[in-house]
Amino acid sequence: LRKSSLDELPQFFNVLRGEMSIVGPRPVVPKELSKYGDQVGVYCAMKPGCAGLWQCSGRSETSYEERILLDQLYFKAASMRNDVKILIMTFVSILRREGAK
């Protein structure tokens, strides 16, 4: 399930309930909050997403530092156009089974 990303499907119920967006930074679990330093407030203020720049840029092959940089890029350039690009890139990554462990 992990390699095909099918384990992510239940998150769409969170989208339907308004708890998550389709595109946005991945949710941060409480035990990982300290890894985000002074950026933690930005993460906590935004609605988490199912797909994001981090997911289509290596997923579990990227470090937390890279994840934070990718999410900061997303925050600074957030737009509908970029969201569509991220969705397409995420879909391609899933089909190629890139970065899933």
PDB file of N, CA and C in Angstrom:
ATOM      1  N   LEU A   1       0.811  -1.210   0.000  1.00  0.00           N
ATOM      2  CA  LEU A   1       0.000   0.000   0.000  1.00  0.00           C
ATOM      3  C   LEU A   1       0.848   1.266   0.000  1.00  0.00           C
ATOM      4  N   ARG A   2       1.952   1.264   0.753  1.00  0.00           N
ATOM      5  CA  ARG A   2       2.791   2.455   0.857  1.00  0.00           C
ATOM      6  C   ARG A   2       3.400   2.816  -0.485  1.00  0.00           C
ATOM      7  N   LYS A   3       3.957   1.826  -1.198  1.00  0.00           N
ATOM      8  CA  LYS A   3       4.623   2.138  -2.469  1.00  0.00           C
ATOM      9  C   LYS A   3       3.657   2.718  -3.495  1.00  0.00           C
ATOM     10  N   SER A   4       2.413   2.266  -3.469  1.00  0.00           N
ATOM     11  CA  SER A   4       1.417   2.771  -4.420  1.00  0.00           C
ATOM     12  C   SER A   4       0.694   4.012  -3.894  1.00  0.00           C
ATOM     13  N   SER A   5       0.991   4.405  -2.661  1.00  0.00           N
ATOM     14  CA  SER A   5       0.383   5.567  -1.995  1.00  0.00           C
ATOM     15  C   SER A   5      -1.110   5.392  -1.721  1.00  0.00           C
ATOM     16  N   LEU A   6      -1.612   4.171  -1.809  1.00  0.00           N
ATOM     17  CA  LEU A   6      -3.023   3.931  -1.506  1.00  0.00           C
ATOM     18  C   LEU A   6      -3.340   4.176  -0.035  1.00  0.00           C
ATOM     19  N   ASP A   7      -2.318   4.128   0.807  1.00  0.00           N
ATOM     20  CA  ASP A   7      -2.542   4.402   2.229  1.00  0.00           C
ATOM     21  C   ASP A   7      -2.904   5.869   2.478  1.00  0.00           C
ATOM     22  N   GLU A   8      -2.768   6.697   1.459  1.00  0.00           N
ATOM     23  CA  GLU A   8      -3.094   8.121   1.577  1.00  0.00           C
ATOM     24  C   GLU A   8      -4.576   8.406   1.312  1.00  0.00           C
ATOM     25  N   LEU A   9      -5.302   7.458   0.738  1.00  0.00           N
ATOM     26  CA  LEU A   9      -6.700   7.692   0.366  1.00  0.00           C
ATOM     27  C   LEU A   9      -7.592   8.161   1.518  1.00  0.00           C
ATOM     28  N   PRO A  10      -7.455   7.639   2.731  1.00  0.00           N
ATOM     29  CA  PRO A  10      -8.323   8.124   3.818  1.00  0.00           C
ATOM     30  C   PRO A  10      -8.211   9.629   4.081  1.00  0.00           C
ATOM     31  N   GLN A  11      -7.123  10.245   3.648  1.00  0.00           N
ATOM     32  CA  GLN A  11      -6.974  11.688   3.855  1.00  0.00           C
ATOM     33  C   GLN A  11      -8.023  12.485   3.085  1.00  0.00           C
ATOM     34  N   PHE A  12      -8.555  11.913   2.027  1.00  0.00           N
ATOM     35  CA  PHE A  12      -9.574  12.635   1.268  1.00  0.00           C
ATOM     36  C   PHE A  12     -10.865  12.799   2.073  1.00  0.00           C
ATOM     37  N   PHE A  13     -11.094  11.925   3.043  1.00  0.00           N
ATOM     38  CA  PHE A  13     -12.218  12.130   3.957  1.00  0.00           C
ATOM     39  C   PHE A  13     -11.963  13.377   4.807  1.00  0.00           C
ATOM     40  N   ASN A  14     -10.689  13.599   5.166  1.00  0.00           N
ATOM     41  CA  ASN A  14     -10.338  14.811   5.909  1.00  0.00           C
ATOM     42  C   ASN A  14     -10.564  16.052   5.048  1.00  0.00           C
ATOM     43  N   VAL A  15     -10.310  15.939   3.746  1.00  0.00           N
ATOM     44  CA  VAL A  15     -10.559  17.060   2.828  1.00  0.00           C
ATOM     45  C   VAL A  15     -12.056  17.348   2.780  1.00  0.00           C
ATOM     46  N   LEU A  16     -12.862  16.304   2.646  1.00  0.00           N
ATOM     47  CA  LEU A  16     -14.313  16.481   2.585  1.00  0.00           C
ATOM     48  C   LEU A  16     -14.871  17.100   3.867  1.00  0.00           C
ATOM     49  N   ARG A  17     -14.259  16.796   5.005  1.00  0.00           N
ATOM     50  CA  ARG A  17     -14.699  17.356   6.284  1.00  0.00           C
ATOM     51  C   ARG A  17     -14.122  18.751   6.525  1.00  0.00           C
ATOM     52  N   GLY A  18     -13.250  19.232   5.631  1.00  0.00           N
ATOM     53  CA  GLY A  18     -12.677  20.563   5.773  1.00  0.00           C
ATOM     54  C   GLY A  18     -11.475  20.635   6.687  1.00  0.00           C
ATOM     55  N   GLU A  19     -10.933  19.493   7.084  1.00  0.00           N
ATOM     56  CA  GLU A  19      -9.783  19.462   7.986  1.00  0.00           C
ATOM     57  C   GLU A  19      -8.455  19.569   7.243  1.00  0.00           C
ATOM     58  N   MET A  20      -8.474  19.251   5.956  1.00  0.00           N
ATOM     59  CA  MET A  20      -7.271  19.318   5.121  1.00  0.00           C
ATOM     60  C   MET A  20      -7.659  19.920   3.781  1.00  0.00           C
ATOM     61  N   SER A  21      -6.646  20.409   3.061  1.00  0.00           N
ATOM     62  CA  SER A  21      -6.858  20.841   1.685  1.00  0.00           C
ATOM     63  C   SER A  21      -6.218  19.801   0.771  1.00  0.00           C
ATOM     64  N   ILE A  22      -6.505  19.882  -0.500  1.00  0.00           N
ATOM     65  CA  ILE A  22      -5.910  18.922  -1.430  1.00  0.00           C
ATOM     66  C   ILE A  22      -4.428  19.224  -1.590  1.00  0.00           C
ATOM     67  N   VAL A  23      -4.077  20.507  -1.743  1.00  0.00           N
ATOM     68  CA  VAL A  23      -2.676  20.898  -1.885  1.00  0.00           C
ATOM     69  C   VAL A  23      -2.283  21.766  -0.695  1.00  0.00           C
ATOM     70  N   GLY A  24      -1.125  21.469  -0.142  1.00  0.00           N
ATOM     71  CA  GLY A  24      -0.609  22.221   0.994  1.00  0.00           C
ATOM     72  C   GLY A  24       0.475  21.422   1.681  1.00  0.00           C
ATOM     73  N   PRO A  25       1.083  21.981   2.697  1.00  0.00           N
ATOM     74  CA  PRO A  25       2.141  21.248   3.402  1.00  0.00           C
ATOM     75  C   PRO A  25       1.565  20.040   4.135  1.00  0.00           C
ATOM     76  N   ARG A  26       2.351  19.004   4.262  1.00  0.00           N
ATOM     77  CA  ARG A  26       1.915  17.816   4.996  1.00  0.00           C
ATOM     78  C   ARG A  26       1.694  18.173   6.459  1.00  0.00           C
ATOM     79  N   PRO A  27       0.773  17.463   7.116  1.00  0.00           N
ATOM     80  CA  PRO A  27       0.576  17.718   8.546  1.00  0.00           C
ATOM     81  C   PRO A  27       1.855  17.433   9.329  1.00  0.00           C
ATOM     82  N   VAL A  28       2.082  18.220  10.355  1.00  0.00           N
ATOM     83  CA  VAL A  28       3.247  18.022  11.219  1.00  0.00           C
ATOM     84  C   VAL A  28       2.755  17.373  12.504  1.00  0.00           C
ATOM     85  N   VAL A  29       3.334  16.225  12.839  1.00  0.00           N
ATOM     86  CA  VAL A  29       2.946  15.549  14.076  1.00  0.00           C
ATOM     87  C   VAL A  29       3.663  16.210  15.252  1.00  0.00           C
ATOM     88  N   PRO A  30       3.024  16.216  16.428  1.00  0.00           N
ATOM     89  CA  PRO A  30       3.596  16.927  17.584  1.00  0.00           C
ATOM     90  C   PRO A  30       5.047  16.575  17.900  1.00  0.00           C
ATOM     91  N   LYS A  31       5.445  15.316  17.772  1.00  0.00           N
ATOM     92  CA  LYS A  31       6.821  14.951  18.120  1.00  0.00           C
ATOM     93  C   LYS A  31       7.846  15.521  17.143  1.00  0.00           C
ATOM     94  N   GLU A  32       7.400  16.008  15.974  1.00  0.00           N
ATOM     95  CA  GLU A  32       8.313  16.575  14.980  1.00  0.00           C
ATOM     96  C   GLU A  32       8.353  18.101  15.011  1.00  0.00           C
ATOM     97  N   LEU A  33       7.519  18.731  15.819  1.00  0.00           N
ATOM     98  CA  LEU A  33       7.424  20.196  15.825  1.00  0.00           C
ATOM     99  C   LEU A  33       8.760  20.882  16.074  1.00  0.00           C
ATOM    100  N   SER A  34       9.583  20.319  16.945  1.00  0.00           N
ATOM    101  CA  SER A  34      10.859  20.958  17.275  1.00  0.00           C
ATOM    102  C   SER A  34      11.807  21.014  16.078  1.00  0.00           C
ATOM    103  N   LYS A  35      11.621  20.154  15.095  1.00  0.00           N
ATOM    104  CA  LYS A  35      12.495  20.132  13.916  1.00  0.00           C
ATOM    105  C   LYS A  35      12.259  21.326  12.996  1.00  0.00           C
ATOM    106  N   TYR A  36      11.155  22.040  13.193  1.00  0.00           N
ATOM    107  CA  TYR A  36      10.793  23.132  12.297  1.00  0.00           C
ATOM    108  C   TYR A  36      11.235  24.499  12.791  1.00  0.00           C
ATOM    109  N   GLY A  37      11.847  24.538  13.968  1.00  0.00           N
ATOM    110  CA  GLY A  37      12.407  25.781  14.491  1.00  0.00           C
ATOM    111  C   GLY A  37      11.413  26.918  14.491  1.00  0.00           C
ATOM    112  N   ASP A  38      11.864  28.086  14.025  1.00  0.00           N
ATOM    113  CA  ASP A  38      11.002  29.268  14.050  1.00  0.00           C
ATOM    114  C   ASP A  38       9.920  29.237  12.969  1.00  0.00           C
ATOM    115  N   GLN A  39       9.939  28.222  12.101  1.00  0.00           N
ATOM    116  CA  GLN A  39       8.922  28.092  11.059  1.00  0.00           C
ATOM    117  C   GLN A  39       7.682  27.336  11.527  1.00  0.00           C
ATOM    118  N   VAL A  40       7.719  26.810  12.749  1.00  0.00           N
ATOM    119  CA  VAL A  40       6.616  25.978  13.241  1.00  0.00           C
ATOM    120  C   VAL A  40       5.284  26.735  13.240  1.00  0.00           C
ATOM    121  N   GLY A  41       5.311  28.020  13.504  1.00  0.00           N
ATOM    122  CA  GLY A  41       4.083  28.808  13.511  1.00  0.00           C
ATOM    123  C   GLY A  41       3.407  28.848  12.155  1.00  0.00           C
ATOM    124  N   VAL A  42       4.210  28.917  11.095  1.00  0.00           N
ATOM    125  CA  VAL A  42       3.672  28.928   9.735  1.00  0.00           C
ATOM    126  C   VAL A  42       2.944  27.616   9.461  1.00  0.00           C
ATOM    127  N   TYR A  43       3.559  26.506   9.853  1.00  0.00           N
ATOM    128  CA  TYR A  43       2.944  25.194   9.633  1.00  0.00           C
ATOM    129  C   TYR A  43       1.645  25.050  10.410  1.00  0.00           C
ATOM    130  N   CYS A  44       1.649  25.493  11.643  1.00  0.00           N
ATOM    131  CA  CYS A  44       0.460  25.344  12.487  1.00  0.00           C
ATOM    132  C   CYS A  44      -0.673  26.256  12.034  1.00  0.00           C
ATOM    133  N   ALA A  45      -0.346  27.359  11.365  1.00  0.00           N
ATOM    134  CA  ALA A  45      -1.360  28.308  10.916  1.00  0.00           C
ATOM    135  C   ALA A  45      -2.039  27.881   9.618  1.00  0.00           C
ATOM    136  N   MET A  46      -1.366  27.068   8.815  1.00  0.00           N
ATOM    137  CA  MET A  46      -1.917  26.660   7.524  1.00  0.00           C
ATOM    138  C   MET A  46      -2.644  25.333   7.625  1.00  0.00           C
ATOM    139  N   LYS A  47      -3.673  25.183   6.806  1.00  0.00           N
ATOM    140  CA  LYS A  47      -4.383  23.914   6.729  1.00  0.00           C
ATOM    141  C   LYS A  47      -3.472  22.918   6.013  1.00  0.00           C
ATOM    142  N   PRO A  48      -3.256  21.740   6.585  1.00  0.00           N
ATOM    143  CA  PRO A  48      -2.390  20.761   5.928  1.00  0.00           C
ATOM    144  C   PRO A  48      -3.021  20.241   4.644  1.00  0.00           C
ATOM    145  N   GLY A  49      -2.181  19.719   3.763  1.00  0.00           N
ATOM    146  CA  GLY A  49      -2.663  19.220   2.483  1.00  0.00           C
ATOM    147  C   GLY A  49      -2.267  17.783   2.213  1.00  0.00           C
ATOM    148  N   CYS A  50      -2.965  17.174   1.274  1.00  0.00           N
ATOM    149  CA  CYS A  50      -2.665  15.797   0.858  1.00  0.00           C
ATOM    150  C   CYS A  50      -1.480  15.767  -0.100  1.00  0.00           C
ATOM    151  N   ALA A  51      -1.374  16.768  -0.947  1.00  0.00           N
ATOM    152  CA  ALA A  51      -0.295  16.840  -1.928  1.00  0.00           C
ATOM    153  C   ALA A  51       0.433  18.165  -1.746  1.00  0.00           C
ATOM    154  N   GLY A  52       1.736  18.132  -1.886  1.00  0.00           N
ATOM    155  CA  GLY A  52       2.514  19.355  -1.748  1.00  0.00           C
ATOM    156  C   GLY A  52       3.818  19.248  -2.509  1.00  0.00           C
ATOM    157  N   LEU A  53       4.549  20.332  -2.509  1.00  0.00           N
ATOM    158  CA  LEU A  53       5.815  20.374  -3.234  1.00  0.00           C
ATOM    159  C   LEU A  53       6.781  19.318  -2.717  1.00  0.00           C
ATOM    160  N   TRP A  54       6.769  19.082  -1.408  1.00  0.00           N
ATOM    161  CA  TRP A  54       7.650  18.069  -0.820  1.00  0.00           C
ATOM    162  C   TRP A  54       7.333  16.680  -1.361  1.00  0.00           C
ATOM    163  N   GLN A  55       6.046  16.338  -1.474  1.00  0.00           N
ATOM    164  CA  GLN A  55       5.659  15.008  -1.923  1.00  0.00           C
ATOM    165  C   GLN A  55       6.101  14.721  -3.354  1.00  0.00           C
ATOM    166  N   CYS A  56       6.107  15.726  -4.199  1.00  0.00           N
ATOM    167  CA  CYS A  56       6.491  15.483  -5.589  1.00  0.00           C
ATOM    168  C   CYS A  56       7.963  15.803  -5.836  1.00  0.00           C
ATOM    169  N   SER A  57       8.713  16.048  -4.759  1.00  0.00           N
ATOM    170  CA  SER A  57      10.140  16.355  -4.885  1.00  0.00           C
ATOM    171  C   SER A  57      11.015  15.379  -4.113  1.00  0.00           C
ATOM    172  N   GLY A  58      10.547  14.161  -3.952  1.00  0.00           N
ATOM    173  CA  GLY A  58      11.381  13.159  -3.309  1.00  0.00           C
ATOM    174  C   GLY A  58      10.767  12.457  -2.128  1.00  0.00           C
ATOM    175  N   ARG A  59       9.746  13.051  -1.519  1.00  0.00           N
ATOM    176  CA  ARG A  59       9.044  12.454  -0.384  1.00  0.00           C
ATOM    177  C   ARG A  59      10.010  11.966   0.678  1.00  0.00           C
ATOM    178  N   SER A  60      10.028  10.675   0.956  1.00  0.00           N
ATOM    179  CA  SER A  60      10.840  10.164   2.066  1.00  0.00           C
ATOM    180  C   SER A  60      12.337  10.166   1.758  1.00  0.00           C
ATOM    181  N   GLU A  61      12.716  10.593   0.564  1.00  0.00           N
ATOM    182  CA  GLU A  61      14.137  10.689   0.218  1.00  0.00           C
ATOM    183  C   GLU A  61      14.710  12.063   0.547  1.00  0.00           C
ATOM    184  N   THR A  62      13.886  12.983   1.046  1.00  0.00           N
ATOM    185  CA  THR A  62      14.360  14.327   1.379  1.00  0.00           C
ATOM    186  C   THR A  62      14.495  14.479   2.891  1.00  0.00           C
ATOM    187  N   SER A  63      15.398  15.346   3.294  1.00  0.00           N
ATOM    188  CA  SER A  63      15.612  15.606   4.722  1.00  0.00           C
ATOM    189  C   SER A  63      14.549  16.589   5.226  1.00  0.00           C
ATOM    190  N   TYR A  64      14.477  16.752   6.546  1.00  0.00           N
ATOM    191  CA  TYR A  64      13.552  17.739   7.109  1.00  0.00           C
ATOM    192  C   TYR A  64      13.932  19.144   6.670  1.00  0.00           C
ATOM    193  N   GLU A  65      15.228  19.407   6.561  1.00  0.00           N
ATOM    194  CA  GLU A  65      15.663  20.732   6.117  1.00  0.00           C
ATOM    195  C   GLU A  65      15.159  21.004   4.705  1.00  0.00           C
ATOM    196  N   GLU A  66      15.268  19.993   3.827  1.00  0.00           N
ATOM    197  CA  GLU A  66      14.777  20.152   2.457  1.00  0.00           C
ATOM    198  C   GLU A  66      13.260  20.303   2.443  1.00  0.00           C
ATOM    199  N   ARG A  67      12.588  19.531   3.287  1.00  0.00           N
ATOM    200  CA  ARG A  67      11.127  19.623   3.367  1.00  0.00           C
ATOM    201  C   ARG A  67      10.707  21.036   3.764  1.00  0.00           C
ATOM    202  N   ILE A  68      11.372  21.600   4.756  1.00  0.00           N
ATOM    203  CA  ILE A  68      11.039  22.949   5.206  1.00  0.00           C
ATOM    204  C   ILE A  68      11.273  23.958   4.085  1.00  0.00           C
ATOM    205  N   LEU A  69      12.401  23.840   3.379  1.00  0.00           N
ATOM    206  CA  LEU A  69      12.686  24.756   2.269  1.00  0.00           C
ATOM    207  C   LEU A  69      11.637  24.638   1.166  1.00  0.00           C
ATOM    208  N   LEU A  70      11.250  23.401   0.830  1.00  0.00           N
ATOM    209  CA  LEU A  70      10.231  23.199  -0.204  1.00  0.00           C
ATOM    210  C   LEU A  70       8.891  23.782   0.231  1.00  0.00           C
ATOM    211  N   ASP A  71       8.533  23.582   1.482  1.00  0.00           N
ATOM    212  CA  ASP A  71       7.274  24.138   1.971  1.00  0.00           C
ATOM    213  C   ASP A  71       7.319  25.659   2.012  1.00  0.00           C
ATOM    214  N   GLN A  72       8.478  26.242   2.340  1.00  0.00           N
ATOM    215  CA  GLN A  72       8.608  27.701   2.322  1.00  0.00           C
ATOM    216  C   GLN A  72       8.440  28.232   0.903  1.00  0.00           C
ATOM    217  N   LEU A  73       8.999  27.517  -0.078  1.00  0.00           N
ATOM    218  CA  LEU A  73       8.799  27.907  -1.476  1.00  0.00           C
ATOM    219  C   LEU A  73       7.318  27.896  -1.826  1.00  0.00           C
ATOM    220  N   TYR A  74       6.623  26.861  -1.358  1.00  0.00           N
ATOM    221  CA  TYR A  74       5.183  26.777  -1.615  1.00  0.00           C
ATOM    222  C   TYR A  74       4.444  27.959  -0.978  1.00  0.00           C
ATOM    223  N   PHE A  75       4.765  28.266   0.279  1.00  0.00           N
ATOM    224  CA  PHE A  75       4.096  29.368   0.978  1.00  0.00           C
ATOM    225  C   PHE A  75       4.269  30.679   0.219  1.00  0.00           C
ATOM    226  N   LYS A  76       5.491  30.921  -0.281  1.00  0.00           N
ATOM    227  CA  LYS A  76       5.806  32.190  -0.938  1.00  0.00           C
ATOM    228  C   LYS A  76       5.175  32.307  -2.319  1.00  0.00           C
ATOM    229  N   ALA A  77       4.971  31.172  -2.996  1.00  0.00           N
ATOM    230  CA  ALA A  77       4.474  31.209  -4.372  1.00  0.00           C
ATOM    231  C   ALA A  77       3.117  30.528  -4.519  1.00  0.00           C
ATOM    232  N   ALA A  78       2.350  30.465  -3.448  1.00  0.00           N
ATOM    233  CA  ALA A  78       1.055  29.780  -3.495  1.00  0.00           C
ATOM    234  C   ALA A  78       0.124  30.455  -4.499  1.00  0.00           C
ATOM    235  N   SER A  79      -0.404  29.652  -5.405  1.00  0.00           N
ATOM    236  CA  SER A  79      -1.371  30.132  -6.387  1.00  0.00           C
ATOM    237  C   SER A  79      -2.112  28.920  -6.951  1.00  0.00           C
ATOM    238  N   MET A  80      -3.233  29.166  -7.571  1.00  0.00           N
ATOM    239  CA  MET A  80      -4.001  28.078  -8.183  1.00  0.00           C
ATOM    240  C   MET A  80      -3.170  27.386  -9.261  1.00  0.00           C
ATOM    241  N   ARG A  81      -2.448  28.177 -10.032  1.00  0.00           N
ATOM    242  CA  ARG A  81      -1.608  27.615 -11.098  1.00  0.00           C
ATOM    243  C   ARG A  81      -0.553  26.676 -10.513  1.00  0.00           C
ATOM    244  N   ASN A  82       0.126  27.107  -9.447  1.00  0.00           N
ATOM    245  CA  ASN A  82       1.138  26.256  -8.819  1.00  0.00           C
ATOM    246  C   ASN A  82       0.512  25.025  -8.179  1.00  0.00           C
ATOM    247  N   ASP A  83      -0.696  25.172  -7.628  1.00  0.00           N
ATOM    248  CA  ASP A  83      -1.380  24.011  -7.057  1.00  0.00           C
ATOM    249  C   ASP A  83      -1.667  22.958  -8.128  1.00  0.00           C
ATOM    250  N   VAL A  84      -2.089  23.400  -9.307  1.00  0.00           N
ATOM    251  CA  VAL A  84      -2.346  22.460 -10.407  1.00  0.00           C
ATOM    252  C   VAL A  84      -1.049  21.768 -10.816  1.00  0.00           C
ATOM    253  N   LYS A  85       0.045  22.522 -10.909  1.00  0.00           N
ATOM    254  CA  LYS A  85       1.346  21.925 -11.238  1.00  0.00           C
ATOM    255  C   LYS A  85       1.741  20.882 -10.198  1.00  0.00           C
ATOM    256  N   ILE A  86       1.550  21.212  -8.923  1.00  0.00           N
ATOM    257  CA  ILE A  86       1.902  20.285  -7.843  1.00  0.00           C
ATOM    258  C   ILE A  86       1.055  19.024  -7.929  1.00  0.00           C
ATOM    259  N   LEU A  87      -0.231  19.168  -8.222  1.00  0.00           N
ATOM    260  CA  LEU A  87      -1.096  17.988  -8.361  1.00  0.00           C
ATOM    261  C   LEU A  87      -0.625  17.085  -9.494  1.00  0.00           C
ATOM    262  N   ILE A  88      -0.272  17.679 -10.619  1.00  0.00           N
ATOM    263  CA  ILE A  88       0.217  16.892 -11.761  1.00  0.00           C
ATOM    264  C   ILE A  88       1.529  16.206 -11.404  1.00  0.00           C
ATOM    265  N   MET A  89       2.453  16.948 -10.797  1.00  0.00           N
ATOM    266  CA  MET A  89       3.744  16.363 -10.415  1.00  0.00           C
ATOM    267  C   MET A  89       3.565  15.254  -9.378  1.00  0.00           C
ATOM    268  N   THR A  90       2.634  15.436  -8.441  1.00  0.00           N
ATOM    269  CA  THR A  90       2.374  14.416  -7.427  1.00  0.00           C
ATOM    270  C   THR A  90       1.804  13.166  -8.071  1.00  0.00           C
ATOM    271  N   PHE A  91       0.867  13.341  -8.991  1.00  0.00           N
ATOM    272  CA  PHE A  91       0.271  12.207  -9.691  1.00  0.00           C
ATOM    273  C   PHE A  91       1.340  11.418 -10.445  1.00  0.00           C
ATOM    274  N   VAL A  92       2.247  12.118 -11.124  1.00  0.00           N
ATOM    275  CA  VAL A  92       3.343  11.456 -11.848  1.00  0.00           C
ATOM    276  C   VAL A  92       4.250  10.711 -10.868  1.00  0.00           C
ATOM    277  N   SER A  93       4.572  11.321  -9.737  1.00  0.00           N
ATOM    278  CA  SER A  93       5.409  10.663  -8.722  1.00  0.00           C
ATOM    279  C   SER A  93       4.751   9.393  -8.200  1.00  0.00           C
ATOM    280  N   ILE A  94       3.438   9.443  -7.998  1.00  0.00           N
ATOM    281  CA  ILE A  94       2.716   8.258  -7.523  1.00  0.00           C
ATOM    282  C   ILE A  94       2.757   7.159  -8.573  1.00  0.00           C
ATOM    283  N   LEU A  95       2.519   7.513  -9.825  1.00  0.00           N
ATOM    284  CA  LEU A  95       2.550   6.509 -10.892  1.00  0.00           C
ATOM    285  C   LEU A  95       3.926   5.869 -11.026  1.00  0.00           C
ATOM    286  N   ARG A  96       4.964   6.665 -10.836  1.00  0.00           N
ATOM    287  CA  ARG A  96       6.339   6.147 -10.925  1.00  0.00           C
ATOM    288  C   ARG A  96       6.808   5.519  -9.617  1.00  0.00           C
ATOM    289  N   ARG A  97       5.982   5.663  -8.573  1.00  0.00           N
ATOM    290  CA  ARG A  97       6.306   5.137  -7.239  1.00  0.00           C
ATOM    291  C   ARG A  97       7.623   5.704  -6.715  1.00  0.00           C
ATOM    292  N   GLU A  98       7.800   6.994  -6.922  1.00  0.00           N
ATOM    293  CA  GLU A  98       9.024   7.674  -6.497  1.00  0.00           C
ATOM    294  C   GLU A  98       8.935   8.108  -5.045  1.00  0.00           C
ATOM    295  N   GLY A  99       9.974   7.823  -4.291  1.00  0.00           N
ATOM    296  CA  GLY A  99      10.106   8.327  -2.936  1.00  0.00           C
ATOM    297  C   GLY A  99       9.244   7.680  -1.879  1.00  0.00           C
ATOM    298  N   ALA A 100       8.440   6.701  -2.226  1.00  0.00           N
ATOM    299  CA  ALA A 100       7.582   6.037  -1.231  1.00  0.00           C
ATOM    300  C   ALA A 100       8.314   4.850  -0.637  1.00  0.00           C
ATOM    301  N   LYS A 101       8.320   4.806   0.684  1.00  0.00           N
ATOM    302  CA  LYS A 101       8.971   3.682   1.372  1.00  0.00           C
ATOM    303  C   LYS A 101       7.987   3.023   2.297  1.00  0.00           C
TER     304      LYS A 101
END
